[in-house]
Amino acid sequence: MKELNPKIKYHLIVGLLIGLWLFVFAFIIKPFDDGTLNFKSWLLISLGFSLIAFVCYGVLSVLQKTIYDKVSNWSVTLEISSILFFYLIYLIGVYAYYKSSILNGGYSFTEFFGMIFIKVALILTPVIILARRYLLKLIPIKDDFIIFRGENKLDVLKINKADMVCISNAQNYVEIFYIENDKLRSKLIRSSLKKVQKDFEFLVQIHRSHLINPSHFKSWRNSNTIILTQMELPVSKNYKEALLAL
């Protein structure tokens, strides 16, 4: 996973679906029924476990948006860490609820983890993965911003991804070309082309000194030059195949 829909409201929809799925599964299937729980107990367990799941996923939504706003990209490591963080705070929440005066659970933490929580995690994990990976792709990100950060803390440029045209090497800096109010503008940021390419994998390298946003490719001027939005750039032989594949 290289991208993340950071909108909190969309992830709250995922959290709601997770909570509903958990309620239905826990109340109907009763995955950890020992034969001693009555209707009221199962209703309280199902409601409590599902509501806490929704709240914990809401906390995760806020945290991951904060992280995404800072790094401007997502990774498998961040994705796994997010799910583990959800389970950590969910474990704390549901165990506190289990031991509260509402349920008066008798299991120790170790017994609760092995006999109840593991089963909950097993039924939740596929739902979480599928919802995060596929459901959110159906919801468009209207404000798809990217943030460039240089070595200097004041070197920051936040623009819409669709407005970014290309990035060129400028010794110890990179020059970012972008469209603003239908005019081509640029900004120098102290960074390297290699780092920018690593941070934003949608960029295509066409020259050792140039990266482009492929959505701004217009046409070939000749065999060594391409036309982008309001500018032209040279294409080196080593990178021509990648561009021809667009």
C-alpha atoms as a PDB file:
ATOM      1  CA  MET A   1       0.000   0.000   0.000  1.00  0.00           C
ATOM      2  CA  LYS A   2       1.564   3.250  -1.205  1.00  0.00           C
ATOM      3  CA  GLU A   3      -1.368   5.584  -0.680  1.00  0.00           C
ATOM      4  CA  LEU A   4      -3.866   6.289   2.052  1.00  0.00           C
ATOM      5  CA  ASN A   5      -7.206   8.044   1.978  1.00  0.00           C
ATOM      6  CA  PRO A   6      -6.564  10.311   4.989  1.00  0.00           C
ATOM      7  CA  LYS A   7     -10.104  11.656   5.392  1.00  0.00           C
ATOM      8  CA  ILE A   8     -11.252  10.953   8.955  1.00  0.00           C
ATOM      9  CA  LYS A   9     -14.934  10.891   8.012  1.00  0.00           C
ATOM     10  CA  TYR A  10     -14.325   8.098   5.502  1.00  0.00           C
ATOM     11  CA  HIS A  11     -12.436   6.034   8.049  1.00  0.00           C
ATOM     12  CA  LEU A  12     -15.274   6.547  10.524  1.00  0.00           C
ATOM     13  CA  ILE A  13     -17.470   4.798   7.962  1.00  0.00           C
ATOM     14  CA  VAL A  14     -14.997   1.895   8.032  1.00  0.00           C
ATOM     15  CA  GLY A  15     -15.073   1.995  11.848  1.00  0.00           C
ATOM     16  CA  LEU A  16     -18.869   1.851  11.788  1.00  0.00           C
ATOM     17  CA  LEU A  17     -18.818  -1.165   9.470  1.00  0.00           C
ATOM     18  CA  ILE A  18     -16.274  -2.888  11.719  1.00  0.00           C
ATOM     19  CA  GLY A  19     -18.464  -2.225  14.747  1.00  0.00           C
ATOM     20  CA  LEU A  20     -21.601  -3.531  13.024  1.00  0.00           C
ATOM     21  CA  TRP A  21     -19.810  -6.638  11.778  1.00  0.00           C
ATOM     22  CA  LEU A  22     -18.469  -7.355  15.241  1.00  0.00           C
ATOM     23  CA  PHE A  23     -21.902  -6.877  16.841  1.00  0.00           C
ATOM     24  CA  VAL A  24     -23.615  -9.238  14.399  1.00  0.00           C
ATOM     25  CA  PHE A  25     -20.888 -11.854  14.653  1.00  0.00           C
ATOM     26  CA  ALA A  26     -20.628 -11.716  18.443  1.00  0.00           C
ATOM     27  CA  PHE A  27     -24.389 -11.692  19.070  1.00  0.00           C
ATOM     28  CA  ILE A  28     -25.368 -14.376  16.561  1.00  0.00           C
ATOM     29  CA  ILE A  29     -22.345 -16.680  16.391  1.00  0.00           C
ATOM     30  CA  LYS A  30     -21.294 -16.274  20.052  1.00  0.00           C
ATOM     31  CA  PRO A  31     -17.655 -17.236  19.357  1.00  0.00           C
ATOM     32  CA  PHE A  32     -16.673 -17.532  23.029  1.00  0.00           C
ATOM     33  CA  ASP A  33     -19.890 -18.814  24.589  1.00  0.00           C
ATOM     34  CA  ASP A  34     -19.262 -21.101  27.573  1.00  0.00           C
ATOM     35  CA  GLY A  35     -22.951 -21.871  28.096  1.00  0.00           C
ATOM     36  CA  THR A  36     -23.347 -19.655  31.163  1.00  0.00           C
ATOM     37  CA  LEU A  37     -24.206 -16.330  29.511  1.00  0.00           C
ATOM     38  CA  ASN A  38     -27.838 -15.223  29.133  1.00  0.00           C
ATOM     39  CA  PHE A  39     -29.428 -12.984  26.499  1.00  0.00           C
ATOM     40  CA  LYS A  40     -28.764  -9.767  28.424  1.00  0.00           C
ATOM     41  CA  SER A  41     -25.088 -10.618  28.921  1.00  0.00           C
ATOM     42  CA  TRP A  42     -24.560 -11.337  25.231  1.00  0.00           C
ATOM     43  CA  LEU A  43     -26.330  -8.136  24.273  1.00  0.00           C
ATOM     44  CA  LEU A  44     -24.067  -6.121  26.591  1.00  0.00           C
ATOM     45  CA  ILE A  45     -20.957  -7.908  25.338  1.00  0.00           C
ATOM     46  CA  SER A  46     -21.889  -7.426  21.685  1.00  0.00           C
ATOM     47  CA  LEU A  47     -22.822  -3.765  22.106  1.00  0.00           C
ATOM     48  CA  GLY A  48     -19.800  -2.952  24.234  1.00  0.00           C
ATOM     49  CA  PHE A  49     -17.242  -4.732  22.077  1.00  0.00           C
ATOM     50  CA  SER A  50     -18.606  -3.179  18.857  1.00  0.00           C
ATOM     51  CA  LEU A  51     -18.877   0.352  20.278  1.00  0.00           C
ATOM     52  CA  ILE A  52     -15.343   0.227  21.674  1.00  0.00           C
ATOM     53  CA  ALA A  53     -14.082  -1.006  18.284  1.00  0.00           C
ATOM     54  CA  PHE A  54     -15.686   2.009  16.603  1.00  0.00           C
ATOM     55  CA  VAL A  55     -14.173   4.457  19.113  1.00  0.00           C
ATOM     56  CA  CYS A  56     -10.702   2.893  18.848  1.00  0.00           C
ATOM     57  CA  TYR A  57     -10.819   3.004  15.063  1.00  0.00           C
ATOM     58  CA  GLY A  58     -11.802   6.651  15.318  1.00  0.00           C
ATOM     59  CA  VAL A  59      -8.668   7.299  17.405  1.00  0.00           C
ATOM     60  CA  LEU A  60      -6.621   5.483  14.765  1.00  0.00           C
ATOM     61  CA  SER A  61      -8.187   7.632  12.025  1.00  0.00           C
ATOM     62  CA  VAL A  62      -7.009  10.828  13.710  1.00  0.00           C
ATOM     63  CA  LEU A  63      -3.517   9.465  14.382  1.00  0.00           C
ATOM     64  CA  GLN A  64      -2.906   8.126  10.873  1.00  0.00           C
ATOM     65  CA  LYS A  65      -4.092  11.382   9.291  1.00  0.00           C
ATOM     66  CA  THR A  66      -1.589  13.279  11.451  1.00  0.00           C
ATOM     67  CA  ILE A  67       1.199  10.949  10.332  1.00  0.00           C
ATOM     68  CA  TYR A  68       0.136  11.069   6.678  1.00  0.00           C
ATOM     69  CA  ASP A  69       0.068  14.876   6.688  1.00  0.00           C
ATOM     70  CA  LYS A  70       3.675  14.872   7.882  1.00  0.00           C
ATOM     71  CA  VAL A  71       5.191  12.217   5.600  1.00  0.00           C
ATOM     72  CA  SER A  72       2.864  12.701   2.585  1.00  0.00           C
ATOM     73  CA  ASN A  73       2.964   9.020   1.689  1.00  0.00           C
ATOM     74  CA  TRP A  74       2.092   5.636   3.138  1.00  0.00           C
ATOM     75  CA  SER A  75       3.854   2.296   3.349  1.00  0.00           C
ATOM     76  CA  VAL A  76       3.255  -1.323   4.268  1.00  0.00           C
ATOM     77  CA  THR A  77       5.121  -0.739   7.533  1.00  0.00           C
ATOM     78  CA  LEU A  78       2.846   2.157   8.443  1.00  0.00           C
ATOM     79  CA  GLU A  79      -0.204   0.130   7.460  1.00  0.00           C
ATOM     80  CA  ILE A  80       0.776  -2.823   9.676  1.00  0.00           C
ATOM     81  CA  SER A  81       1.713  -0.472  12.522  1.00  0.00           C
ATOM     82  CA  SER A  82      -1.696   1.197  12.272  1.00  0.00           C
ATOM     83  CA  ILE A  83      -3.572  -2.084  12.561  1.00  0.00           C
ATOM     84  CA  LEU A  84      -1.400  -3.196  15.490  1.00  0.00           C
ATOM     85  CA  PHE A  85      -1.997   0.137  17.222  1.00  0.00           C
ATOM     86  CA  PHE A  86      -5.749  -0.335  16.770  1.00  0.00           C
ATOM     87  CA  TYR A  87      -5.567  -3.769  18.373  1.00  0.00           C
ATOM     88  CA  LEU A  88      -3.458  -2.471  21.247  1.00  0.00           C
ATOM     89  CA  ILE A  89      -5.898   0.262  22.279  1.00  0.00           C
ATOM     90  CA  TYR A  90      -8.852  -2.024  21.520  1.00  0.00           C
ATOM     91  CA  LEU A  91      -7.432  -4.708  23.831  1.00  0.00           C
ATOM     92  CA  ILE A  92      -7.054  -2.166  26.621  1.00  0.00           C
ATOM     93  CA  GLY A  93     -10.566  -0.847  26.035  1.00  0.00           C
ATOM     94  CA  VAL A  94     -12.427  -4.153  25.854  1.00  0.00           C
ATOM     95  CA  TYR A  95     -10.580  -5.659  28.818  1.00  0.00           C
ATOM     96  CA  ALA A  96     -11.446  -2.610  30.947  1.00  0.00           C
ATOM     97  CA  TYR A  97     -15.066  -3.024  29.842  1.00  0.00           C
ATOM     98  CA  TYR A  98     -14.973  -6.767  30.534  1.00  0.00           C
ATOM     99  CA  LYS A  99     -13.713  -6.204  34.095  1.00  0.00           C
ATOM    100  CA  SER A 100     -16.105  -3.309  34.767  1.00  0.00           C
ATOM    101  CA  SER A 101     -19.206  -3.553  36.962  1.00  0.00           C
ATOM    102  CA  ILE A 102     -21.287  -3.953  33.801  1.00  0.00           C
ATOM    103  CA  LEU A 103     -19.932  -7.425  32.974  1.00  0.00           C
ATOM    104  CA  ASN A 104     -17.857  -8.372  36.037  1.00  0.00           C
ATOM    105  CA  GLY A 105     -15.738 -10.704  33.929  1.00  0.00           C
ATOM    106  CA  GLY A 106     -13.894 -13.421  35.787  1.00  0.00           C
ATOM    107  CA  TYR A 107     -11.005 -14.111  33.420  1.00  0.00           C
ATOM    108  CA  SER A 108      -7.530 -12.802  34.175  1.00  0.00           C
ATOM    109  CA  PHE A 109      -5.839 -10.686  31.507  1.00  0.00           C
ATOM    110  CA  THR A 110      -3.935 -13.705  30.159  1.00  0.00           C
ATOM    111  CA  GLU A 111      -7.085 -15.837  30.026  1.00  0.00           C
ATOM    112  CA  PHE A 112      -9.061 -13.002  28.435  1.00  0.00           C
ATOM    113  CA  PHE A 113      -6.390 -12.475  25.802  1.00  0.00           C
ATOM    114  CA  GLY A 114      -6.106 -16.158  24.904  1.00  0.00           C
ATOM    115  CA  MET A 115      -9.757 -17.197  25.106  1.00  0.00           C
ATOM    116  CA  ILE A 116     -11.609 -14.088  23.970  1.00  0.00           C
ATOM    117  CA  PHE A 117      -9.464 -11.403  22.388  1.00  0.00           C
ATOM    118  CA  ILE A 118      -7.598 -13.677  19.981  1.00  0.00           C
ATOM    119  CA  LYS A 119     -10.935 -14.904  18.606  1.00  0.00           C
ATOM    120  CA  VAL A 120     -12.151 -11.346  18.187  1.00  0.00           C
ATOM    121  CA  ALA A 121      -8.925 -10.390  16.387  1.00  0.00           C
ATOM    122  CA  LEU A 122      -9.220 -13.356  14.033  1.00  0.00           C
ATOM    123  CA  ILE A 123     -12.686 -12.359  12.871  1.00  0.00           C
ATOM    124  CA  LEU A 124     -11.858  -8.650  12.684  1.00  0.00           C
ATOM    125  CA  THR A 125      -8.533  -8.696  10.836  1.00  0.00           C
ATOM    126  CA  PRO A 126      -9.867  -9.773   7.397  1.00  0.00           C
ATOM    127  CA  VAL A 127     -12.656  -7.191   7.652  1.00  0.00           C
ATOM    128  CA  ILE A 128     -10.213  -4.401   8.540  1.00  0.00           C
ATOM    129  CA  ILE A 129      -7.783  -5.302   5.754  1.00  0.00           C
ATOM    130  CA  LEU A 130     -10.487  -5.568   3.094  1.00  0.00           C
ATOM    131  CA  ALA A 131     -12.196  -2.361   4.200  1.00  0.00           C
ATOM    132  CA  ARG A 132      -8.966  -0.339   4.265  1.00  0.00           C
ATOM    133  CA  ARG A 133      -7.617  -1.759   1.031  1.00  0.00           C
ATOM    134  CA  TYR A 134     -10.698  -1.878  -1.177  1.00  0.00           C
ATOM    135  CA  LEU A 135     -13.644  -0.007   0.319  1.00  0.00           C
ATOM    136  CA  LEU A 136     -11.758   3.278   0.676  1.00  0.00           C
ATOM    137  CA  LYS A 137     -10.659   3.075  -2.951  1.00  0.00           C
ATOM    138  CA  LEU A 138     -14.308   3.517  -3.911  1.00  0.00           C
ATOM    139  CA  ILE A 139     -14.314   6.895  -2.153  1.00  0.00           C
ATOM    140  CA  PRO A 140     -12.413   9.562  -4.114  1.00  0.00           C
ATOM    141  CA  ILE A 141     -10.005  11.889  -2.360  1.00  0.00           C
ATOM    142  CA  LYS A 142     -11.289  15.296  -3.419  1.00  0.00           C
ATOM    143  CA  ASP A 143      -8.411  17.308  -2.005  1.00  0.00           C
ATOM    144  CA  ASP A 144      -5.395  15.242  -3.033  1.00  0.00           C
ATOM    145  CA  PHE A 145      -2.596  17.407  -1.684  1.00  0.00           C
ATOM    146  CA  ILE A 146       1.090  16.548  -1.543  1.00  0.00           C
ATOM    147  CA  ILE A 147       3.626  18.227   0.698  1.00  0.00           C
ATOM    148  CA  PHE A 148       7.276  18.735  -0.200  1.00  0.00           C
ATOM    149  CA  ARG A 149       9.628  19.223   2.735  1.00  0.00           C
ATOM    150  CA  GLY A 150      13.254  20.280   2.442  1.00  0.00           C
ATOM    151  CA  GLU A 151      16.142  20.043   4.883  1.00  0.00           C
ATOM    152  CA  ASN A 152      15.293  23.499   6.183  1.00  0.00           C
ATOM    153  CA  LYS A 153      12.158  23.504   8.358  1.00  0.00           C
ATOM    154  CA  LEU A 154      10.868  26.490   6.412  1.00  0.00           C
ATOM    155  CA  ASP A 155      11.259  24.624   3.107  1.00  0.00           C
ATOM    156  CA  VAL A 156       7.666  23.485   2.694  1.00  0.00           C
ATOM    157  CA  LEU A 157       5.426  23.457  -0.352  1.00  0.00           C
ATOM    158  CA  LYS A 158       1.871  22.137  -0.241  1.00  0.00           C
ATOM    159  CA  ILE A 159       0.140  21.831  -3.593  1.00  0.00           C
ATOM    160  CA  ASN A 160      -2.540  19.776  -5.228  1.00  0.00           C
ATOM    161  CA  LYS A 161      -1.070  16.620  -6.735  1.00  0.00           C
ATOM    162  CA  ALA A 162      -2.745  17.369 -10.072  1.00  0.00           C
ATOM    163  CA  ASP A 163      -1.020  20.786 -10.250  1.00  0.00           C
ATOM    164  CA  MET A 164       2.519  19.443  -9.889  1.00  0.00           C
ATOM    165  CA  VAL A 165       4.171  19.368 -13.335  1.00  0.00           C
ATOM    166  CA  CYS A 166       7.778  18.297 -12.805  1.00  0.00           C
ATOM    167  CA  ILE A 167      10.804  18.487 -10.558  1.00  0.00           C
ATOM    168  CA  SER A 168      14.320  19.335 -11.702  1.00  0.00           C
ATOM    169  CA  ASN A 169      17.673  18.992 -10.008  1.00  0.00           C
ATOM    170  CA  ALA A 170      19.389  22.273  -9.094  1.00  0.00           C
ATOM    171  CA  GLN A 171      22.686  21.337  -7.420  1.00  0.00           C
ATOM    172  CA  ASN A 172      21.873  21.011  -3.698  1.00  0.00           C
ATOM    173  CA  TYR A 173      18.240  21.922  -4.362  1.00  0.00           C
ATOM    174  CA  VAL A 174      15.309  20.683  -6.381  1.00  0.00           C
ATOM    175  CA  GLU A 175      13.093  23.058  -8.333  1.00  0.00           C
ATOM    176  CA  ILE A 176       9.423  22.167  -8.215  1.00  0.00           C
ATOM    177  CA  PHE A 177       7.314  23.377 -11.124  1.00  0.00           C
ATOM    178  CA  TYR A 178       3.574  23.599 -10.577  1.00  0.00           C
ATOM    179  CA  ILE A 179       0.455  25.309 -11.911  1.00  0.00           C
ATOM    180  CA  GLU A 180      -1.150  28.071  -9.883  1.00  0.00           C
ATOM    181  CA  ASN A 181      -3.975  30.192 -11.266  1.00  0.00           C
ATOM    182  CA  ASP A 182      -3.246  28.769 -14.728  1.00  0.00           C
ATOM    183  CA  LYS A 183       0.361  29.988 -14.598  1.00  0.00           C
ATOM    184  CA  LEU A 184       3.530  27.954 -14.312  1.00  0.00           C
ATOM    185  CA  ARG A 185       5.370  28.692 -11.074  1.00  0.00           C
ATOM    186  CA  SER A 186       8.361  27.148  -9.342  1.00  0.00           C
ATOM    187  CA  LYS A 187       9.937  26.861  -5.910  1.00  0.00           C
ATOM    188  CA  LEU A 188      13.403  25.804  -4.800  1.00  0.00           C
ATOM    189  CA  ILE A 189      13.651  23.401  -1.885  1.00  0.00           C
ATOM    190  CA  ARG A 190      16.843  22.025  -0.392  1.00  0.00           C
ATOM    191  CA  SER A 191      16.555  18.316  -1.100  1.00  0.00           C
ATOM    192  CA  SER A 192      17.655  15.708  -3.604  1.00  0.00           C
ATOM    193  CA  LEU A 193      15.929  14.272  -6.644  1.00  0.00           C
ATOM    194  CA  LYS A 194      16.477  10.778  -5.268  1.00  0.00           C
ATOM    195  CA  LYS A 195      14.670  11.566  -2.032  1.00  0.00           C
ATOM    196  CA  VAL A 196      11.758  13.187  -3.844  1.00  0.00           C
ATOM    197  CA  GLN A 197      11.384  10.164  -6.104  1.00  0.00           C
ATOM    198  CA  LYS A 198      11.404   7.863  -3.087  1.00  0.00           C
ATOM    199  CA  ASP A 199       8.744   9.932  -1.316  1.00  0.00           C
ATOM    200  CA  PHE A 200       6.478  10.283  -4.355  1.00  0.00           C
ATOM    201  CA  GLU A 201       6.513   7.100  -6.384  1.00  0.00           C
ATOM    202  CA  PHE A 202       3.974   8.316  -8.952  1.00  0.00           C
ATOM    203  CA  LEU A 203       6.696  10.504 -10.502  1.00  0.00           C
ATOM    204  CA  VAL A 204       8.435   9.259 -13.651  1.00  0.00           C
ATOM    205  CA  GLN A 205      12.126   9.879 -14.268  1.00  0.00           C
ATOM    206  CA  ILE A 206      12.891  11.024 -17.822  1.00  0.00           C
ATOM    207  CA  HIS A 207      16.421  12.328 -17.274  1.00  0.00           C
ATOM    208  CA  ARG A 208      19.003  12.161 -14.510  1.00  0.00           C
ATOM    209  CA  SER A 209      17.961  15.729 -13.632  1.00  0.00           C
ATOM    210  CA  HIS A 210      14.199  15.594 -14.198  1.00  0.00           C
ATOM    211  CA  LEU A 211      11.125  13.886 -12.790  1.00  0.00           C
ATOM    212  CA  ILE A 212       7.679  14.480 -14.240  1.00  0.00           C
ATOM    213  CA  ASN A 213       4.092  14.040 -13.189  1.00  0.00           C
ATOM    214  CA  PRO A 214       2.872  11.759 -16.026  1.00  0.00           C
ATOM    215  CA  SER A 215      -0.565  13.405 -16.032  1.00  0.00           C
ATOM    216  CA  HIS A 216       1.066  16.557 -17.490  1.00  0.00           C
ATOM    217  CA  PHE A 217       2.698  14.766 -20.416  1.00  0.00           C
ATOM    218  CA  LYS A 218       1.328  16.205 -23.669  1.00  0.00           C
ATOM    219  CA  SER A 219       3.389  14.956 -26.602  1.00  0.00           C
ATOM    220  CA  TRP A 220       6.837  14.428 -28.076  1.00  0.00           C
ATOM    221  CA  ARG A 221       8.510  17.493 -29.588  1.00  0.00           C
ATOM    222  CA  ASN A 222      11.128  15.224 -31.148  1.00  0.00           C
ATOM    223  CA  SER A 223      12.937  12.030 -30.199  1.00  0.00           C
ATOM    224  CA  ASN A 224      14.788  13.785 -27.382  1.00  0.00           C
ATOM    225  CA  THR A 225      12.265  16.293 -26.053  1.00  0.00           C
ATOM    226  CA  ILE A 226       8.771  16.115 -24.585  1.00  0.00           C
ATOM    227  CA  ILE A 227       6.114  18.757 -24.130  1.00  0.00           C
ATOM    228  CA  LEU A 228       4.534  19.127 -20.718  1.00  0.00           C
ATOM    229  CA  THR A 229       2.025  21.665 -19.471  1.00  0.00           C
ATOM    230  CA  GLN A 230       3.545  25.069 -20.300  1.00  0.00           C
ATOM    231  CA  MET A 231       7.104  23.742 -20.612  1.00  0.00           C
ATOM    232  CA  GLU A 232       9.442  21.313 -22.372  1.00  0.00           C
ATOM    233  CA  LEU A 233      12.078  18.945 -21.028  1.00  0.00           C
ATOM    234  CA  PRO A 234      14.834  16.767 -22.490  1.00  0.00           C
ATOM    235  CA  VAL A 235      14.557  12.985 -22.377  1.00  0.00           C
ATOM    236  CA  SER A 236      17.662  10.863 -21.972  1.00  0.00           C
ATOM    237  CA  LYS A 237      18.074   7.576 -23.787  1.00  0.00           C
ATOM    238  CA  ASN A 238      18.255   5.563 -20.549  1.00  0.00           C
ATOM    239  CA  TYR A 239      14.775   6.655 -19.446  1.00  0.00           C
ATOM    240  CA  LYS A 240      12.940   6.781 -22.770  1.00  0.00           C
ATOM    241  CA  GLU A 241      11.400   3.317 -22.398  1.00  0.00           C
ATOM    242  CA  ALA A 242       9.647   4.280 -19.163  1.00  0.00           C
ATOM    243  CA  LEU A 243       8.119   7.283 -20.849  1.00  0.00           C
ATOM    244  CA  LEU A 244       7.061   5.335 -23.929  1.00  0.00           C
ATOM    245  CA  ALA A 245       5.172   2.948 -21.638  1.00  0.00           C
ATOM    246  CA  LEU A 246       2.850   5.730 -20.419  1.00  0.00           C
END
